[in-house]
Amino acid sequence: VLDDPHVAPHHVSVGADDGRLHVMVGETVNGLRCGRELLP
């Protein structure tokens, strides 16, 4: 739980296998910034 007004209620879900992370961005206005890439 993040105390940030710019974070959506369910912003992102993360899973993993074989050392790689599987990221699913929820319903958010701001998306998820990974390095220089913006995931909407």
PDB file of all heavy atoms in Angstrom:
ATOM      1  N   VAL A   1       0.852  -1.185   0.000  1.00  0.00           N
ATOM      2  CA  VAL A   1       0.000   0.000   0.000  1.00  0.00           C
ATOM      3  C   VAL A   1       0.890   1.238   0.000  1.00  0.00           C
ATOM      4  O   VAL A   1       1.758   1.393   0.861  1.00  0.00           O
ATOM      5  CB  VAL A   1      -0.931   0.012   1.231  1.00  0.00           C
ATOM      6  CG1 VAL A   1      -1.779   1.272   1.255  1.00  0.00           C
ATOM      7  CG2 VAL A   1      -1.807  -1.229   1.246  1.00  0.00           C
ATOM      8  N   LEU A   2       0.677   2.097  -1.011  1.00  0.00           N
ATOM      9  CA  LEU A   2       1.464   3.319  -1.153  1.00  0.00           C
ATOM     10  C   LEU A   2       0.609   4.528  -0.803  1.00  0.00           C
ATOM     11  O   LEU A   2      -0.521   4.650  -1.270  1.00  0.00           O
ATOM     12  CB  LEU A   2       1.989   3.452  -2.584  1.00  0.00           C
ATOM     13  CG  LEU A   2       2.881   2.315  -3.075  1.00  0.00           C
ATOM     14  CD1 LEU A   2       3.293   2.558  -4.519  1.00  0.00           C
ATOM     15  CD2 LEU A   2       4.095   2.163  -2.181  1.00  0.00           C
ATOM     16  N   ASP A   3       1.168   5.414  -0.006  1.00  0.00           N
ATOM     17  CA  ASP A   3       0.482   6.645   0.381  1.00  0.00           C
ATOM     18  C   ASP A   3       0.914   7.748  -0.588  1.00  0.00           C
ATOM     19  O   ASP A   3       1.786   8.555  -0.291  1.00  0.00           O
ATOM     20  CB  ASP A   3       0.838   7.005   1.817  1.00  0.00           C
ATOM     21  CG  ASP A   3       0.101   8.236   2.316  1.00  0.00           C
ATOM     22  OD1 ASP A   3      -0.950   8.576   1.739  1.00  0.00           O
ATOM     23  OD2 ASP A   3       0.588   8.862   3.274  1.00  0.00           O
ATOM     24  N   ASP A   4       0.330   7.739  -1.770  1.00  0.00           N
ATOM     25  CA  ASP A   4       0.680   8.668  -2.841  1.00  0.00           C
ATOM     26  C   ASP A   4      -0.599   8.946  -3.630  1.00  0.00           C
ATOM     27  O   ASP A   4      -1.191   8.027  -4.195  1.00  0.00           O
ATOM     28  CB  ASP A   4       1.745   8.026  -3.733  1.00  0.00           C
ATOM     29  CG  ASP A   4       2.185   8.872  -4.909  1.00  0.00           C
ATOM     30  OD1 ASP A   4       1.479   9.846  -5.270  1.00  0.00           O
ATOM     31  OD2 ASP A   4       3.234   8.550  -5.499  1.00  0.00           O
ATOM     32  N   PRO A   5      -1.053  10.211  -3.689  1.00  0.00           N
ATOM     33  CA  PRO A   5      -2.292  10.518  -4.409  1.00  0.00           C
ATOM     34  C   PRO A   5      -2.201  10.279  -5.915  1.00  0.00           C
ATOM     35  O   PRO A   5      -3.220  10.250  -6.594  1.00  0.00           O
ATOM     36  CB  PRO A   5      -2.538  11.996  -4.103  1.00  0.00           C
ATOM     37  CG  PRO A   5      -1.210  12.543  -3.724  1.00  0.00           C
ATOM     38  CD  PRO A   5      -0.457  11.403  -3.096  1.00  0.00           C
ATOM     39  N   HIS A   6      -1.005  10.075  -6.450  1.00  0.00           N
ATOM     40  CA  HIS A   6      -0.806   9.820  -7.874  1.00  0.00           C
ATOM     41  C   HIS A   6      -0.828   8.319  -8.205  1.00  0.00           C
ATOM     42  O   HIS A   6      -0.611   7.935  -9.345  1.00  0.00           O
ATOM     43  CB  HIS A   6       0.498  10.446  -8.353  1.00  0.00           C
ATOM     44  CG  HIS A   6       0.527  11.921  -8.152  1.00  0.00           C
ATOM     45  ND1 HIS A   6      -0.053  12.800  -9.025  1.00  0.00           N
ATOM     46  CD2 HIS A   6       1.033  12.669  -7.147  1.00  0.00           C
ATOM     47  CE1 HIS A   6       0.103  14.032  -8.593  1.00  0.00           C
ATOM     48  NE2 HIS A   6       0.755  13.974  -7.440  1.00  0.00           N
ATOM     49  N   VAL A   7      -1.073   7.494  -7.195  1.00  0.00           N
ATOM     50  CA  VAL A   7      -1.140   6.045  -7.359  1.00  0.00           C
ATOM     51  C   VAL A   7      -2.609   5.641  -7.395  1.00  0.00           C
ATOM     52  O   VAL A   7      -3.415   6.088  -6.576  1.00  0.00           O
ATOM     53  CB  VAL A   7      -0.402   5.329  -6.203  1.00  0.00           C
ATOM     54  CG1 VAL A   7      -0.619   3.835  -6.243  1.00  0.00           C
ATOM     55  CG2 VAL A   7       1.077   5.647  -6.246  1.00  0.00           C
ATOM     56  N   ALA A   8      -2.960   4.766  -8.342  1.00  0.00           N
ATOM     57  CA  ALA A   8      -4.320   4.251  -8.458  1.00  0.00           C
ATOM     58  C   ALA A   8      -4.583   3.237  -7.339  1.00  0.00           C
ATOM     59  O   ALA A   8      -3.645   2.667  -6.780  1.00  0.00           O
ATOM     60  CB  ALA A   8      -4.520   3.598  -9.817  1.00  0.00           C
ATOM     61  N   PRO A   9      -5.856   2.972  -7.034  1.00  0.00           N
ATOM     62  CA  PRO A   9      -6.151   1.980  -5.998  1.00  0.00           C
ATOM     63  C   PRO A   9      -5.493   0.619  -6.267  1.00  0.00           C
ATOM     64  O   PRO A   9      -4.956   0.003  -5.354  1.00  0.00           O
ATOM     65  CB  PRO A   9      -7.677   1.876  -6.044  1.00  0.00           C
ATOM     66  CG  PRO A   9      -8.122   3.216  -6.527  1.00  0.00           C
ATOM     67  CD  PRO A   9      -7.071   3.634  -7.520  1.00  0.00           C
ATOM     68  N   HIS A  10      -5.522   0.139  -7.492  1.00  0.00           N
ATOM     69  CA  HIS A  10      -4.842  -1.106  -7.886  1.00  0.00           C
ATOM     70  C   HIS A  10      -3.961  -0.755  -9.083  1.00  0.00           C
ATOM     71  O   HIS A  10      -4.323  -0.988 -10.222  1.00  0.00           O
ATOM     72  CB  HIS A  10      -5.855  -2.203  -8.242  1.00  0.00           C
ATOM     73  CG  HIS A  10      -6.715  -2.564  -7.093  1.00  0.00           C
ATOM     74  ND1 HIS A  10      -8.024  -2.181  -7.002  1.00  0.00           N
ATOM     75  CD2 HIS A  10      -6.445  -3.252  -5.956  1.00  0.00           C
ATOM     76  CE1 HIS A  10      -8.529  -2.622  -5.861  1.00  0.00           C
ATOM     77  NE2 HIS A  10      -7.593  -3.275  -5.206  1.00  0.00           N
ATOM     78  N   HIS A  11      -2.809  -0.182  -8.807  1.00  0.00           N
ATOM     79  CA  HIS A  11      -1.961   0.415  -9.833  1.00  0.00           C
ATOM     80  C   HIS A  11      -1.269  -0.624 -10.708  1.00  0.00           C
ATOM     81  O   HIS A  11      -1.264  -0.511 -11.925  1.00  0.00           O
ATOM     82  CB  HIS A  11      -0.918   1.321  -9.170  1.00  0.00           C
ATOM     83  CG  HIS A  11      -0.376   2.369 -10.061  1.00  0.00           C
ATOM     84  ND1 HIS A  11      -0.809   3.679 -10.024  1.00  0.00           N
ATOM     85  CD2 HIS A  11       0.558   2.329 -11.024  1.00  0.00           C
ATOM     86  CE1 HIS A  11      -0.166   4.384 -10.930  1.00  0.00           C
ATOM     87  NE2 HIS A  11       0.682   3.584 -11.544  1.00  0.00           N
ATOM     88  N   VAL A  12      -0.662  -1.625 -10.077  1.00  0.00           N
ATOM     89  CA  VAL A  12       0.112  -2.614 -10.835  1.00  0.00           C
ATOM     90  C   VAL A  12       0.095  -3.962 -10.110  1.00  0.00           C
ATOM     91  O   VAL A  12       0.041  -4.022  -8.889  1.00  0.00           O
ATOM     92  CB  VAL A  12       1.561  -2.115 -11.067  1.00  0.00           C
ATOM     93  CG1 VAL A  12       2.316  -1.952  -9.783  1.00  0.00           C
ATOM     94  CG2 VAL A  12       2.323  -3.007 -12.021  1.00  0.00           C
ATOM     95  N   SER A  13       0.138  -5.025 -10.905  1.00  0.00           N
ATOM     96  CA  SER A  13       0.243  -6.381 -10.381  1.00  0.00           C
ATOM     97  C   SER A  13       1.533  -6.983 -10.935  1.00  0.00           C
ATOM     98  O   SER A  13       1.842  -6.811 -12.118  1.00  0.00           O
ATOM     99  CB  SER A  13      -0.970  -7.194 -10.828  1.00  0.00           C
ATOM    100  OG  SER A  13      -0.875  -8.506 -10.360  1.00  0.00           O
ATOM    101  N   VAL A  14       2.273  -7.681 -10.082  1.00  0.00           N
ATOM    102  CA  VAL A  14       3.578  -8.224 -10.471  1.00  0.00           C
ATOM    103  C   VAL A  14       3.615  -9.719 -10.179  1.00  0.00           C
ATOM    104  O   VAL A  14       3.247 -10.163  -9.095  1.00  0.00           O
ATOM    105  CB  VAL A  14       4.721  -7.528  -9.687  1.00  0.00           C
ATOM    106  CG1 VAL A  14       6.073  -8.044 -10.138  1.00  0.00           C
ATOM    107  CG2 VAL A  14       4.638  -6.025  -9.800  1.00  0.00           C
ATOM    108  N   GLY A  15       4.068 -10.483 -11.157  1.00  0.00           N
ATOM    109  CA  GLY A  15       4.313 -11.911 -10.998  1.00  0.00           C
ATOM    110  C   GLY A  15       5.729 -12.203 -11.479  1.00  0.00           C
ATOM    111  O   GLY A  15       6.387 -11.314 -12.018  1.00  0.00           O
ATOM    112  N   ALA A  16       6.205 -13.418 -11.308  1.00  0.00           N
ATOM    113  CA  ALA A  16       7.570 -13.729 -11.743  1.00  0.00           C
ATOM    114  C   ALA A  16       7.717 -15.200 -12.081  1.00  0.00           C
ATOM    115  O   ALA A  16       7.023 -16.052 -11.537  1.00  0.00           O
ATOM    116  CB  ALA A  16       8.573 -13.361 -10.661  1.00  0.00           C
ATOM    117  N   ASP A  17       8.653 -15.470 -13.006  1.00  0.00           N
ATOM    118  CA  ASP A  17       9.142 -16.817 -13.273  1.00  0.00           C
ATOM    119  C   ASP A  17      10.467 -16.697 -14.021  1.00  0.00           C
ATOM    120  O   ASP A  17      10.708 -15.755 -14.740  1.00  0.00           O
ATOM    121  CB  ASP A  17       8.129 -17.674 -14.035  1.00  0.00           C
ATOM    122  CG  ASP A  17       7.807 -17.173 -15.428  1.00  0.00           C
ATOM    123  OD1 ASP A  17       8.509 -16.301 -15.945  1.00  0.00           O
ATOM    124  OD2 ASP A  17       6.837 -17.666 -16.016  1.00  0.00           O
ATOM    125  N   ASP A  18      11.345 -17.636 -13.783  1.00  0.00           N
ATOM    126  CA  ASP A  18      12.663 -17.682 -14.436  1.00  0.00           C
ATOM    127  C   ASP A  18      13.437 -16.370 -14.327  1.00  0.00           C
ATOM    128  O   ASP A  18      14.122 -15.960 -15.256  1.00  0.00           O
ATOM    129  CB  ASP A  18      12.521 -18.081 -15.906  1.00  0.00           C
ATOM    130  CG  ASP A  18      11.951 -19.478 -16.084  1.00  0.00           C
ATOM    131  OD1 ASP A  18      12.229 -20.330 -15.210  1.00  0.00           O
ATOM    132  OD2 ASP A  18      11.230 -19.706 -17.061  1.00  0.00           O
ATOM    133  N   GLY A  19      13.321 -15.683 -13.187  1.00  0.00           N
ATOM    134  CA  GLY A  19      14.086 -14.456 -12.976  1.00  0.00           C
ATOM    135  C   GLY A  19      13.566 -13.236 -13.717  1.00  0.00           C
ATOM    136  O   GLY A  19      14.215 -12.201 -13.733  1.00  0.00           O
ATOM    137  N   ARG A  20      12.414 -13.353 -14.338  1.00  0.00           N
ATOM    138  CA  ARG A  20      11.803 -12.227 -15.061  1.00  0.00           C
ATOM    139  C   ARG A  20      10.510 -11.834 -14.365  1.00  0.00           C
ATOM    140  O   ARG A  20       9.775 -12.689 -13.874  1.00  0.00           O
ATOM    141  CB  ARG A  20      11.512 -12.602 -16.510  1.00  0.00           C
ATOM    142  CG  ARG A  20      12.682 -13.147 -17.291  1.00  0.00           C
ATOM    143  CD  ARG A  20      13.697 -12.145 -17.675  1.00  0.00           C
ATOM    144  NE  ARG A  20      13.109 -11.160 -18.577  1.00  0.00           N
ATOM    145  CZ  ARG A  20      13.766 -10.132 -19.042  1.00  0.00           C
ATOM    146  NH1 ARG A  20      15.021  -9.941 -18.701  1.00  0.00           N
ATOM    147  NH2 ARG A  20      13.199  -9.264 -19.834  1.00  0.00           N
ATOM    148  N   LEU A  21      10.226 -10.552 -14.348  1.00  0.00           N
ATOM    149  CA  LEU A  21       9.007 -10.050 -13.723  1.00  0.00           C
ATOM    150  C   LEU A  21       7.949  -9.799 -14.782  1.00  0.00           C
ATOM    151  O   LEU A  21       8.234  -9.216 -15.827  1.00  0.00           O
ATOM    152  CB  LEU A  21       9.305  -8.754 -12.974  1.00  0.00           C
ATOM    153  CG  LEU A  21      10.314  -8.877 -11.833  1.00  0.00           C
ATOM    154  CD1 LEU A  21      10.657  -7.500 -11.288  1.00  0.00           C
ATOM    155  CD2 LEU A  21       9.767  -9.765 -10.743  1.00  0.00           C
ATOM    156  N   HIS A  22       6.744 -10.230 -14.513  1.00  0.00           N
ATOM    157  CA  HIS A  22       5.602  -9.999 -15.399  1.00  0.00           C
ATOM    158  C   HIS A  22       4.758  -8.903 -14.753  1.00  0.00           C
ATOM    159  O   HIS A  22       4.207  -9.100 -13.670  1.00  0.00           O
ATOM    160  CB  HIS A  22       4.791 -11.279 -15.579  1.00  0.00           C
ATOM    161  CG  HIS A  22       5.587 -12.373 -16.186  1.00  0.00           C
ATOM    162  ND1 HIS A  22       5.705 -12.525 -17.544  1.00  0.00           N
ATOM    163  CD2 HIS A  22       6.356 -13.337 -15.621  1.00  0.00           C
ATOM    164  CE1 HIS A  22       6.491 -13.563 -17.794  1.00  0.00           C
ATOM    165  NE2 HIS A  22       6.905 -14.061 -16.636  1.00  0.00           N
ATOM    166  N   VAL A  23       4.670  -7.779 -15.431  1.00  0.00           N
ATOM    167  CA  VAL A  23       4.009  -6.594 -14.900  1.00  0.00           C
ATOM    168  C   VAL A  23       2.713  -6.360 -15.655  1.00  0.00           C
ATOM    169  O   VAL A  23       2.706  -6.369 -16.891  1.00  0.00           O
ATOM    170  CB  VAL A  23       4.935  -5.364 -15.055  1.00  0.00           C
ATOM    171  CG1 VAL A  23       4.264  -4.112 -14.543  1.00  0.00           C
ATOM    172  CG2 VAL A  23       6.256  -5.602 -14.362  1.00  0.00           C
ATOM    173  N   MET A  24       1.619  -6.145 -14.908  1.00  0.00           N
ATOM    174  CA  MET A  24       0.336  -5.800 -15.507  1.00  0.00           C
ATOM    175  C   MET A  24      -0.142  -4.500 -14.877  1.00  0.00           C
ATOM    176  O   MET A  24      -0.374  -4.449 -13.657  1.00  0.00           O
ATOM    177  CB  MET A  24      -0.678  -6.915 -15.277  1.00  0.00           C
ATOM    178  CG  MET A  24      -0.345  -8.178 -16.064  1.00  0.00           C
ATOM    179  SD  MET A  24      -1.118  -9.644 -15.386  1.00  0.00           S
ATOM    180  CE  MET A  24      -0.065  -9.985 -13.987  1.00  0.00           C
ATOM    181  N   VAL A  25      -0.245  -3.450 -15.686  1.00  0.00           N
ATOM    182  CA  VAL A  25      -0.637  -2.137 -15.198  1.00  0.00           C
ATOM    183  C   VAL A  25      -2.159  -2.092 -15.102  1.00  0.00           C
ATOM    184  O   VAL A  25      -2.862  -2.450 -16.042  1.00  0.00           O
ATOM    185  CB  VAL A  25      -0.114  -1.026 -16.127  1.00  0.00           C
ATOM    186  CG1 VAL A  25      -0.476   0.347 -15.586  1.00  0.00           C
ATOM    187  CG2 VAL A  25       1.400  -1.146 -16.308  1.00  0.00           C
ATOM    188  N   GLY A  26      -2.650  -1.643 -13.965  1.00  0.00           N
ATOM    189  CA  GLY A  26      -4.087  -1.545 -13.736  1.00  0.00           C
ATOM    190  C   GLY A  26      -4.676  -0.274 -14.339  1.00  0.00           C
ATOM    191  O   GLY A  26      -4.047   0.387 -15.169  1.00  0.00           O
ATOM    192  N   GLU A  27      -5.881   0.055 -13.894  1.00  0.00           N
ATOM    193  CA  GLU A  27      -6.555   1.264 -14.363  1.00  0.00           C
ATOM    194  C   GLU A  27      -5.947   2.469 -13.659  1.00  0.00           C
ATOM    195  O   GLU A  27      -6.270   2.752 -12.513  1.00  0.00           O
ATOM    196  CB  GLU A  27      -8.049   1.180 -14.088  1.00  0.00           C
ATOM    197  CG  GLU A  27      -8.739   0.138 -14.932  1.00  0.00           C
ATOM    198  CD  GLU A  27     -10.236   0.163 -14.726  1.00  0.00           C
ATOM    199  OE1 GLU A  27     -10.803   1.230 -14.460  1.00  0.00           O
ATOM    200  OE2 GLU A  27     -10.829  -0.911 -14.837  1.00  0.00           O
ATOM    201  N   THR A  28      -5.060   3.143 -14.353  1.00  0.00           N
ATOM    202  CA  THR A  28      -4.362   4.290 -13.791  1.00  0.00           C
ATOM    203  C   THR A  28      -4.200   5.377 -14.837  1.00  0.00           C
ATOM    204  O   THR A  28      -4.002   5.079 -16.011  1.00  0.00           O
ATOM    205  CB  THR A  28      -2.983   3.879 -13.233  1.00  0.00           C
ATOM    206  OG1 THR A  28      -2.245   5.057 -12.897  1.00  0.00           O
ATOM    207  CG2 THR A  28      -2.177   3.079 -14.225  1.00  0.00           C
ATOM    208  N   VAL A  29      -4.258   6.601 -14.396  1.00  0.00           N
ATOM    209  CA  VAL A  29      -4.050   7.741 -15.289  1.00  0.00           C
ATOM    210  C   VAL A  29      -2.568   7.884 -15.618  1.00  0.00           C
ATOM    211  O   VAL A  29      -2.192   8.203 -16.742  1.00  0.00           O
ATOM    212  CB  VAL A  29      -4.572   9.044 -14.628  1.00  0.00           C
ATOM    213  CG1 VAL A  29      -4.202  10.270 -15.443  1.00  0.00           C
ATOM    214  CG2 VAL A  29      -6.064   8.960 -14.403  1.00  0.00           C
ATOM    215  N   ASN A  30      -1.697   7.594 -14.648  1.00  0.00           N
ATOM    216  CA  ASN A  30      -0.262   7.858 -14.784  1.00  0.00           C
ATOM    217  C   ASN A  30       0.548   6.716 -15.375  1.00  0.00           C
ATOM    218  O   ASN A  30       1.710   6.893 -15.701  1.00  0.00           O
ATOM    219  CB  ASN A  30       0.315   8.239 -13.418  1.00  0.00           C
ATOM    220  CG  ASN A  30      -0.318   9.492 -12.884  1.00  0.00           C
ATOM    221  OD1 ASN A  30      -0.454  10.475 -13.593  1.00  0.00           O
ATOM    222  ND2 ASN A  30      -0.750   9.458 -11.637  1.00  0.00           N
ATOM    223  N   GLY A  31      -0.009   5.521 -15.476  1.00  0.00           N
ATOM    224  CA  GLY A  31       0.755   4.396 -15.993  1.00  0.00           C
ATOM    225  C   GLY A  31       1.875   4.004 -15.040  1.00  0.00           C
ATOM    226  O   GLY A  31       1.875   4.370 -13.869  1.00  0.00           O
ATOM    227  N   LEU A  32       2.835   3.270 -15.547  1.00  0.00           N
ATOM    228  CA  LEU A  32       3.986   2.810 -14.777  1.00  0.00           C
ATOM    229  C   LEU A  32       5.245   3.140 -15.557  1.00  0.00           C
ATOM    230  O   LEU A  32       5.385   2.746 -16.710  1.00  0.00           O
ATOM    231  CB  LEU A  32       3.903   1.289 -14.542  1.00  0.00           C
ATOM    232  CG  LEU A  32       5.077   0.647 -13.823  1.00  0.00           C
ATOM    233  CD1 LEU A  32       5.106   1.083 -12.363  1.00  0.00           C
ATOM    234  CD2 LEU A  32       5.003  -0.863 -13.930  1.00  0.00           C
ATOM    235  N   ARG A  33       6.156   3.870 -14.947  1.00  0.00           N
ATOM    236  CA  ARG A  33       7.413   4.202 -15.608  1.00  0.00           C
ATOM    237  C   ARG A  33       8.470   3.212 -15.172  1.00  0.00           C
ATOM    238  O   ARG A  33       8.762   3.069 -13.994  1.00  0.00           O
ATOM    239  CB  ARG A  33       7.845   5.626 -15.274  1.00  0.00           C
ATOM    240  CG  ARG A  33       9.097   6.014 -16.033  1.00  0.00           C
ATOM    241  CD  ARG A  33       9.303   7.492 -16.140  1.00  0.00           C
ATOM    242  NE  ARG A  33       8.254   8.215 -16.804  1.00  0.00           N
ATOM    243  CZ  ARG A  33       8.080   8.307 -18.124  1.00  0.00           C
ATOM    244  NH1 ARG A  33       8.889   7.654 -18.930  1.00  0.00           N
ATOM    245  NH2 ARG A  33       7.105   9.025 -18.633  1.00  0.00           N
ATOM    246  N   CYS A  34       9.033   2.492 -16.151  1.00  0.00           N
ATOM    247  CA  CYS A  34      10.105   1.517 -15.939  1.00  0.00           C
ATOM    248  C   CYS A  34      11.327   2.057 -16.666  1.00  0.00           C
ATOM    249  O   CYS A  34      11.390   1.968 -17.896  1.00  0.00           O
ATOM    250  CB  CYS A  34       9.718   0.150 -16.492  1.00  0.00           C
ATOM    251  SG  CYS A  34       8.243  -0.554 -15.780  1.00  0.00           S
ATOM    252  N   GLY A  35      12.276   2.603 -15.920  1.00  0.00           N
ATOM    253  CA  GLY A  35      13.410   3.262 -16.568  1.00  0.00           C
ATOM    254  C   GLY A  35      12.902   4.440 -17.371  1.00  0.00           C
ATOM    255  O   GLY A  35      12.219   5.304 -16.849  1.00  0.00           O
ATOM    256  N   ARG A  36      13.173   4.449 -18.670  1.00  0.00           N
ATOM    257  CA  ARG A  36      12.697   5.531 -19.538  1.00  0.00           C
ATOM    258  C   ARG A  36      11.398   5.188 -20.269  1.00  0.00           C
ATOM    259  O   ARG A  36      10.859   5.984 -20.998  1.00  0.00           O
ATOM    260  CB  ARG A  36      13.767   5.885 -20.559  1.00  0.00           C
ATOM    261  CG  ARG A  36      14.985   6.486 -19.923  1.00  0.00           C
ATOM    262  CD  ARG A  36      16.030   6.810 -20.975  1.00  0.00           C
ATOM    263  NE  ARG A  36      17.173   7.395 -20.321  1.00  0.00           N
ATOM    264  CZ  ARG A  36      17.618   8.596 -20.591  1.00  0.00           C
ATOM    265  NH1 ARG A  36      17.037   9.328 -21.495  1.00  0.00           N
ATOM    266  NH2 ARG A  36      18.666   9.070 -19.955  1.00  0.00           N
ATOM    267  N   GLU A  37      10.911   3.970 -20.057  1.00  0.00           N
ATOM    268  CA  GLU A  37       9.717   3.508 -20.757  1.00  0.00           C
ATOM    269  C   GLU A  37       8.472   3.727 -19.892  1.00  0.00           C
ATOM    270  O   GLU A  37       8.469   3.451 -18.695  1.00  0.00           O
ATOM    271  CB  GLU A  37       9.860   2.022 -21.077  1.00  0.00           C
ATOM    272  CG  GLU A  37       8.743   1.451 -21.880  1.00  0.00           C
ATOM    273  CD  GLU A  37       8.946  -0.019 -22.193  1.00  0.00           C
ATOM    274  OE1 GLU A  37      10.025  -0.565 -21.894  1.00  0.00           O
ATOM    275  OE2 GLU A  37       8.012  -0.618 -22.736  1.00  0.00           O
ATOM    276  N   LEU A  38       7.405   4.218 -20.529  1.00  0.00           N
ATOM    277  CA  LEU A  38       6.130   4.396 -19.841  1.00  0.00           C
ATOM    278  C   LEU A  38       5.164   3.317 -20.301  1.00  0.00           C
ATOM    279  O   LEU A  38       4.873   3.202 -21.492  1.00  0.00           O
ATOM    280  CB  LEU A  38       5.542   5.780 -20.128  1.00  0.00           C
ATOM    281  CG  LEU A  38       4.179   6.047 -19.491  1.00  0.00           C
ATOM    282  CD1 LEU A  38       4.286   6.041 -17.970  1.00  0.00           C
ATOM    283  CD2 LEU A  38       3.619   7.361 -19.980  1.00  0.00           C
ATOM    284  N   LEU A  39       4.691   2.506 -19.361  1.00  0.00           N
ATOM    285  CA  LEU A  39       3.691   1.488 -19.652  1.00  0.00           C
ATOM    286  C   LEU A  39       2.322   2.081 -19.317  1.00  0.00           C
ATOM    287  O   LEU A  39       2.058   2.414 -18.169  1.00  0.00           O
ATOM    288  CB  LEU A  39       3.930   0.231 -18.817  1.00  0.00           C
ATOM    289  CG  LEU A  39       5.287  -0.449 -18.983  1.00  0.00           C
ATOM    290  CD1 LEU A  39       5.407  -1.614 -18.017  1.00  0.00           C
ATOM    291  CD2 LEU A  39       5.475  -0.907 -20.410  1.00  0.00           C
ATOM    292  N   PRO A  40       1.443   2.234 -20.310  1.00  0.00           N
ATOM    293  CA  PRO A  40       0.143   2.849 -20.050  1.00  0.00           C
ATOM    294  C   PRO A  40      -0.825   1.899 -19.341  1.00  0.00           C
ATOM    295  O   PRO A  40      -0.585   0.692 -19.248  1.00  0.00           O
ATOM    296  CB  PRO A  40      -0.361   3.202 -21.449  1.00  0.00           C
ATOM    297  CG  PRO A  40       0.304   2.222 -22.346  1.00  0.00           C
ATOM    298  CD  PRO A  40       1.633   1.913 -21.711  1.00  0.00           C
TER     299      PRO A  40
END
